[in-house]
Amino acid sequence: MKIIAIFTALLITATCAQDGKRPTLYPFDVTIGGQKAVMQEGNILFAVIEKPVKVDSLLEIEKEAPMIIINAFACKENGEVMAPGQQPAVILANKAKSVKLNATMDKKPLKPGRYLANIVAHGGTSRVVFVVEDKSGKIKIPSIKDVVDFLKKKS
């Protein structure tokens, strides 16, 4: 448990935006469904897409990359990534600036719910939390505040 606490402290220290520099965990801007992800005050672990997006929304980065790799992990209601061993949705795009969320390697669209995505391009990784809309309204989506509060308790 001490190792996790030390790692978390180092991660937080490394990601703090100092002297106007970008946070380590958000080195480039990401837009999903026309909404730009933003770092929220007090949250240095990931950027957030404010409103739910459609399952076929376009994910865009600032400039074309030789390769975009996206790993999207479903999150539990409390914001915790699903159990270890569960495979993330993987999306790849060559020589691209954008890719649709439904272009997963396994051809299965993302299910409605909250996702933590690692978007890798240009030698960096931007971490973004977003929600795929649930038209049926059956899924209870926790607020971003709930997710941030949960992550703070874990550290």
C-alpha atoms as a PDB file:
ATOM      1  CA  MET A   1       0.000   0.000   0.000  1.00  0.00           C
ATOM      2  CA  LYS A   2       2.930   2.336   0.738  1.00  0.00           C
ATOM      3  CA  ILE A   3       4.248   1.815  -2.768  1.00  0.00           C
ATOM      4  CA  ILE A   4       0.911   2.875  -4.247  1.00  0.00           C
ATOM      5  CA  ALA A   5       0.856   5.998  -2.053  1.00  0.00           C
ATOM      6  CA  ILE A   6       4.424   6.900  -3.035  1.00  0.00           C
ATOM      7  CA  PHE A   7       3.717   6.301  -6.726  1.00  0.00           C
ATOM      8  CA  THR A   8       0.570   8.417  -6.530  1.00  0.00           C
ATOM      9  CA  ALA A   9       2.448  11.248  -4.811  1.00  0.00           C
ATOM     10  CA  LEU A  10       5.159  11.153  -7.487  1.00  0.00           C
ATOM     11  CA  LEU A  11       2.544  11.115 -10.220  1.00  0.00           C
ATOM     12  CA  ILE A  12       0.755  14.108  -8.740  1.00  0.00           C
ATOM     13  CA  THR A  13       4.010  16.008  -8.354  1.00  0.00           C
ATOM     14  CA  ALA A  14       5.048  15.224 -11.922  1.00  0.00           C
ATOM     15  CA  THR A  15       1.733  16.311 -13.388  1.00  0.00           C
ATOM     16  CA  CYS A  16       1.313  19.654 -11.667  1.00  0.00           C
ATOM     17  CA  ALA A  17       1.225  22.522 -14.126  1.00  0.00           C
ATOM     18  CA  GLN A  18       4.027  24.893 -13.180  1.00  0.00           C
ATOM     19  CA  ASP A  19       5.094  28.151 -14.808  1.00  0.00           C
ATOM     20  CA  GLY A  20       2.202  27.932 -17.291  1.00  0.00           C
ATOM     21  CA  LYS A  21       3.379  24.591 -18.678  1.00  0.00           C
ATOM     22  CA  ARG A  22       0.905  21.922 -19.709  1.00  0.00           C
ATOM     23  CA  PRO A  23       0.266  19.059 -17.274  1.00  0.00           C
ATOM     24  CA  THR A  24       2.273  15.921 -18.068  1.00  0.00           C
ATOM     25  CA  LEU A  25      -0.954  13.913 -18.375  1.00  0.00           C
ATOM     26  CA  TYR A  26      -2.465  16.317 -20.921  1.00  0.00           C
ATOM     27  CA  PRO A  27       0.352  17.258 -23.331  1.00  0.00           C
ATOM     28  CA  PHE A  28      -1.964  17.952 -26.289  1.00  0.00           C
ATOM     29  CA  ASP A  29      -5.578  19.031 -26.684  1.00  0.00           C
ATOM     30  CA  VAL A  30      -8.309  16.486 -27.412  1.00  0.00           C
ATOM     31  CA  THR A  31     -11.771  17.222 -28.786  1.00  0.00           C
ATOM     32  CA  ILE A  32     -14.585  14.652 -28.825  1.00  0.00           C
ATOM     33  CA  GLY A  33     -17.874  15.318 -30.574  1.00  0.00           C
ATOM     34  CA  GLY A  34     -16.935  18.976 -30.991  1.00  0.00           C
ATOM     35  CA  GLN A  35     -16.232  19.434 -27.253  1.00  0.00           C
ATOM     36  CA  LYS A  36     -12.700  20.276 -26.157  1.00  0.00           C
ATOM     37  CA  ALA A  37     -11.483  18.396 -23.090  1.00  0.00           C
ATOM     38  CA  VAL A  38     -10.481  20.723 -20.251  1.00  0.00           C
ATOM     39  CA  MET A  39      -8.400  20.274 -17.131  1.00  0.00           C
ATOM     40  CA  GLN A  40     -10.620  21.143 -14.187  1.00  0.00           C
ATOM     41  CA  GLU A  41      -9.304  23.039 -11.195  1.00  0.00           C
ATOM     42  CA  GLY A  42      -8.119  20.642  -8.515  1.00  0.00           C
ATOM     43  CA  ASN A  43      -7.943  17.714 -10.952  1.00  0.00           C
ATOM     44  CA  ILE A  44      -4.514  17.044 -12.408  1.00  0.00           C
ATOM     45  CA  LEU A  45      -5.089  13.411 -13.365  1.00  0.00           C
ATOM     46  CA  PHE A  46      -7.136  13.871 -16.543  1.00  0.00           C
ATOM     47  CA  ALA A  47      -9.015  16.332 -18.737  1.00  0.00           C
ATOM     48  CA  VAL A  48     -12.802  16.133 -18.978  1.00  0.00           C
ATOM     49  CA  ILE A  49     -15.374  16.282 -21.777  1.00  0.00           C
ATOM     50  CA  GLU A  50     -18.277  18.129 -20.147  1.00  0.00           C
ATOM     51  CA  LYS A  51     -21.363  16.641 -21.870  1.00  0.00           C
ATOM     52  CA  PRO A  52     -22.114  13.094 -23.057  1.00  0.00           C
ATOM     53  CA  VAL A  53     -21.035  12.262 -26.612  1.00  0.00           C
ATOM     54  CA  LYS A  54     -22.515   9.988 -29.254  1.00  0.00           C
ATOM     55  CA  VAL A  55     -20.995   6.550 -29.775  1.00  0.00           C
ATOM     56  CA  ASP A  56     -19.823   7.545 -33.284  1.00  0.00           C
ATOM     57  CA  SER A  57     -18.386  10.944 -32.275  1.00  0.00           C
ATOM     58  CA  LEU A  58     -15.168  12.137 -33.830  1.00  0.00           C
ATOM     59  CA  LEU A  59     -12.110  12.281 -31.545  1.00  0.00           C
ATOM     60  CA  GLU A  60      -9.647  14.913 -32.776  1.00  0.00           C
ATOM     61  CA  ILE A  61      -6.166  15.986 -31.732  1.00  0.00           C
ATOM     62  CA  GLU A  62      -4.328  19.235 -32.539  1.00  0.00           C
ATOM     63  CA  LYS A  63      -2.253  18.043 -35.495  1.00  0.00           C
ATOM     64  CA  GLU A  64      -1.835  14.949 -37.642  1.00  0.00           C
ATOM     65  CA  ALA A  65       0.163  12.160 -36.034  1.00  0.00           C
ATOM     66  CA  PRO A  66       1.904   9.195 -37.659  1.00  0.00           C
ATOM     67  CA  MET A  67      -0.170   6.996 -35.308  1.00  0.00           C
ATOM     68  CA  ILE A  68      -2.959   7.640 -32.828  1.00  0.00           C
ATOM     69  CA  ILE A  69      -3.526   4.924 -30.242  1.00  0.00           C
ATOM     70  CA  ILE A  70      -6.560   5.137 -27.966  1.00  0.00           C
ATOM     71  CA  ASN A  71      -7.268   2.821 -25.038  1.00  0.00           C
ATOM     72  CA  ALA A  72     -10.685   3.491 -23.502  1.00  0.00           C
ATOM     73  CA  PHE A  73     -11.392   1.880 -20.146  1.00  0.00           C
ATOM     74  CA  ALA A  74     -14.961   1.636 -18.844  1.00  0.00           C
ATOM     75  CA  CYS A  75     -15.297   3.134 -15.375  1.00  0.00           C
ATOM     76  CA  LYS A  76     -17.490   2.010 -12.521  1.00  0.00           C
ATOM     77  CA  GLU A  77     -20.134   4.348 -11.118  1.00  0.00           C
ATOM     78  CA  ASN A  78     -17.655   5.634  -8.518  1.00  0.00           C
ATOM     79  CA  GLY A  79     -15.078   6.445 -11.230  1.00  0.00           C
ATOM     80  CA  GLU A  80     -12.807   3.454 -10.650  1.00  0.00           C
ATOM     81  CA  VAL A  81     -11.575   1.676 -13.783  1.00  0.00           C
ATOM     82  CA  MET A  82     -13.226  -1.738 -14.163  1.00  0.00           C
ATOM     83  CA  ALA A  83     -11.595  -4.833 -12.670  1.00  0.00           C
ATOM     84  CA  PRO A  84      -8.051  -5.723 -13.739  1.00  0.00           C
ATOM     85  CA  GLY A  85      -7.943  -8.092 -16.662  1.00  0.00           C
ATOM     86  CA  GLN A  86     -10.852  -6.503 -18.473  1.00  0.00           C
ATOM     87  CA  GLN A  87      -9.764  -5.434 -21.940  1.00  0.00           C
ATOM     88  CA  PRO A  88     -10.042  -1.777 -22.927  1.00  0.00           C
ATOM     89  CA  ALA A  89     -11.534  -0.678 -26.212  1.00  0.00           C
ATOM     90  CA  VAL A  90      -8.632  -0.045 -28.584  1.00  0.00           C
ATOM     91  CA  ILE A  91      -8.757   2.393 -31.485  1.00  0.00           C
ATOM     92  CA  LEU A  92      -5.858   2.903 -33.917  1.00  0.00           C
ATOM     93  CA  ALA A  93      -5.434   5.434 -36.709  1.00  0.00           C
ATOM     94  CA  ASN A  94      -2.429   5.849 -39.036  1.00  0.00           C
ATOM     95  CA  LYS A  95      -1.387   9.277 -40.337  1.00  0.00           C
ATOM     96  CA  ALA A  96      -4.443  10.916 -38.829  1.00  0.00           C
ATOM     97  CA  LYS A  97      -5.658  13.910 -36.864  1.00  0.00           C
ATOM     98  CA  SER A  98      -9.011  12.346 -36.031  1.00  0.00           C
ATOM     99  CA  VAL A  99     -10.799   9.027 -35.633  1.00  0.00           C
ATOM    100  CA  LYS A 100     -14.357   7.998 -34.760  1.00  0.00           C
ATOM    101  CA  LEU A 101     -15.013   6.424 -31.372  1.00  0.00           C
ATOM    102  CA  ASN A 102     -16.789   3.487 -33.009  1.00  0.00           C
ATOM    103  CA  ALA A 103     -13.666   2.503 -34.999  1.00  0.00           C
ATOM    104  CA  THR A 104     -12.583  -0.016 -32.353  1.00  0.00           C
ATOM    105  CA  MET A 105     -10.245  -2.872 -33.242  1.00  0.00           C
ATOM    106  CA  ASP A 106     -12.843  -5.479 -32.242  1.00  0.00           C
ATOM    107  CA  LYS A 107     -15.577  -3.678 -34.241  1.00  0.00           C
ATOM    108  CA  LYS A 108     -17.734  -3.392 -31.078  1.00  0.00           C
ATOM    109  CA  PRO A 109     -18.995   0.128 -30.350  1.00  0.00           C
ATOM    110  CA  LEU A 110     -18.469   1.598 -26.895  1.00  0.00           C
ATOM    111  CA  LYS A 111     -21.416   0.909 -24.607  1.00  0.00           C
ATOM    112  CA  PRO A 112     -23.141   3.826 -22.891  1.00  0.00           C
ATOM    113  CA  GLY A 113     -21.256   4.883 -19.798  1.00  0.00           C
ATOM    114  CA  ARG A 114     -18.160   6.679 -18.518  1.00  0.00           C
ATOM    115  CA  TYR A 115     -14.701   6.059 -19.985  1.00  0.00           C
ATOM    116  CA  LEU A 116     -11.157   6.987 -19.101  1.00  0.00           C
ATOM    117  CA  ALA A 117      -9.173   7.181 -22.334  1.00  0.00           C
ATOM    118  CA  ASN A 118      -5.441   7.318 -22.889  1.00  0.00           C
ATOM    119  CA  ILE A 119      -4.836   9.011 -26.237  1.00  0.00           C
ATOM    120  CA  VAL A 120      -1.268   8.426 -27.420  1.00  0.00           C
ATOM    121  CA  ALA A 121       0.224  10.577 -30.203  1.00  0.00           C
ATOM    122  CA  HIS A 122       3.413  12.549 -30.895  1.00  0.00           C
ATOM    123  CA  GLY A 123       5.289  10.723 -28.122  1.00  0.00           C
ATOM    124  CA  GLY A 124       2.843  11.821 -25.401  1.00  0.00           C
ATOM    125  CA  THR A 125      -0.363  10.625 -23.763  1.00  0.00           C
ATOM    126  CA  SER A 126      -3.401  12.775 -22.991  1.00  0.00           C
ATOM    127  CA  ARG A 127      -5.794  11.295 -20.431  1.00  0.00           C
ATOM    128  CA  VAL A 128      -9.438  12.206 -20.966  1.00  0.00           C
ATOM    129  CA  VAL A 129     -12.668  11.203 -19.218  1.00  0.00           C
ATOM    130  CA  PHE A 130     -15.848  11.246 -21.289  1.00  0.00           C
ATOM    131  CA  VAL A 131     -19.343   9.786 -21.235  1.00  0.00           C
ATOM    132  CA  VAL A 132     -20.988   7.922 -24.114  1.00  0.00           C
ATOM    133  CA  GLU A 133     -24.624   8.944 -24.003  1.00  0.00           C
ATOM    134  CA  ASP A 134     -27.317   6.512 -22.938  1.00  0.00           C
ATOM    135  CA  LYS A 135     -30.504   7.253 -24.874  1.00  0.00           C
ATOM    136  CA  SER A 136     -32.494   4.793 -22.750  1.00  0.00           C
ATOM    137  CA  GLY A 137     -31.555   6.621 -19.534  1.00  0.00           C
ATOM    138  CA  LYS A 138     -30.986   3.328 -17.694  1.00  0.00           C
ATOM    139  CA  ILE A 139     -27.375   3.959 -16.737  1.00  0.00           C
ATOM    140  CA  LYS A 140     -26.660   6.231 -13.792  1.00  0.00           C
ATOM    141  CA  ILE A 141     -23.680   8.387 -14.728  1.00  0.00           C
ATOM    142  CA  PRO A 142     -21.743   9.832 -11.762  1.00  0.00           C
ATOM    143  CA  SER A 143     -20.734  13.470 -11.906  1.00  0.00           C
ATOM    144  CA  ILE A 144     -17.170  14.476 -12.665  1.00  0.00           C
ATOM    145  CA  LYS A 145     -16.971  15.739  -9.066  1.00  0.00           C
ATOM    146  CA  ASP A 146     -17.797  12.213  -7.826  1.00  0.00           C
ATOM    147  CA  VAL A 147     -14.996  10.794  -9.982  1.00  0.00           C
ATOM    148  CA  VAL A 148     -12.457  13.385  -8.800  1.00  0.00           C
ATOM    149  CA  ASP A 149     -13.474  12.899  -5.144  1.00  0.00           C
ATOM    150  CA  PHE A 150     -13.057   9.138  -5.525  1.00  0.00           C
ATOM    151  CA  LEU A 151      -9.582   9.532  -7.063  1.00  0.00           C
ATOM    152  CA  LYS A 152      -8.516  11.897  -4.284  1.00  0.00           C
ATOM    153  CA  LYS A 153      -9.555   9.302  -1.681  1.00  0.00           C
ATOM    154  CA  LYS A 154      -7.442   6.659  -3.471  1.00  0.00           C
ATOM    155  CA  SER A 155      -4.262   8.751  -3.197  1.00  0.00           C
END
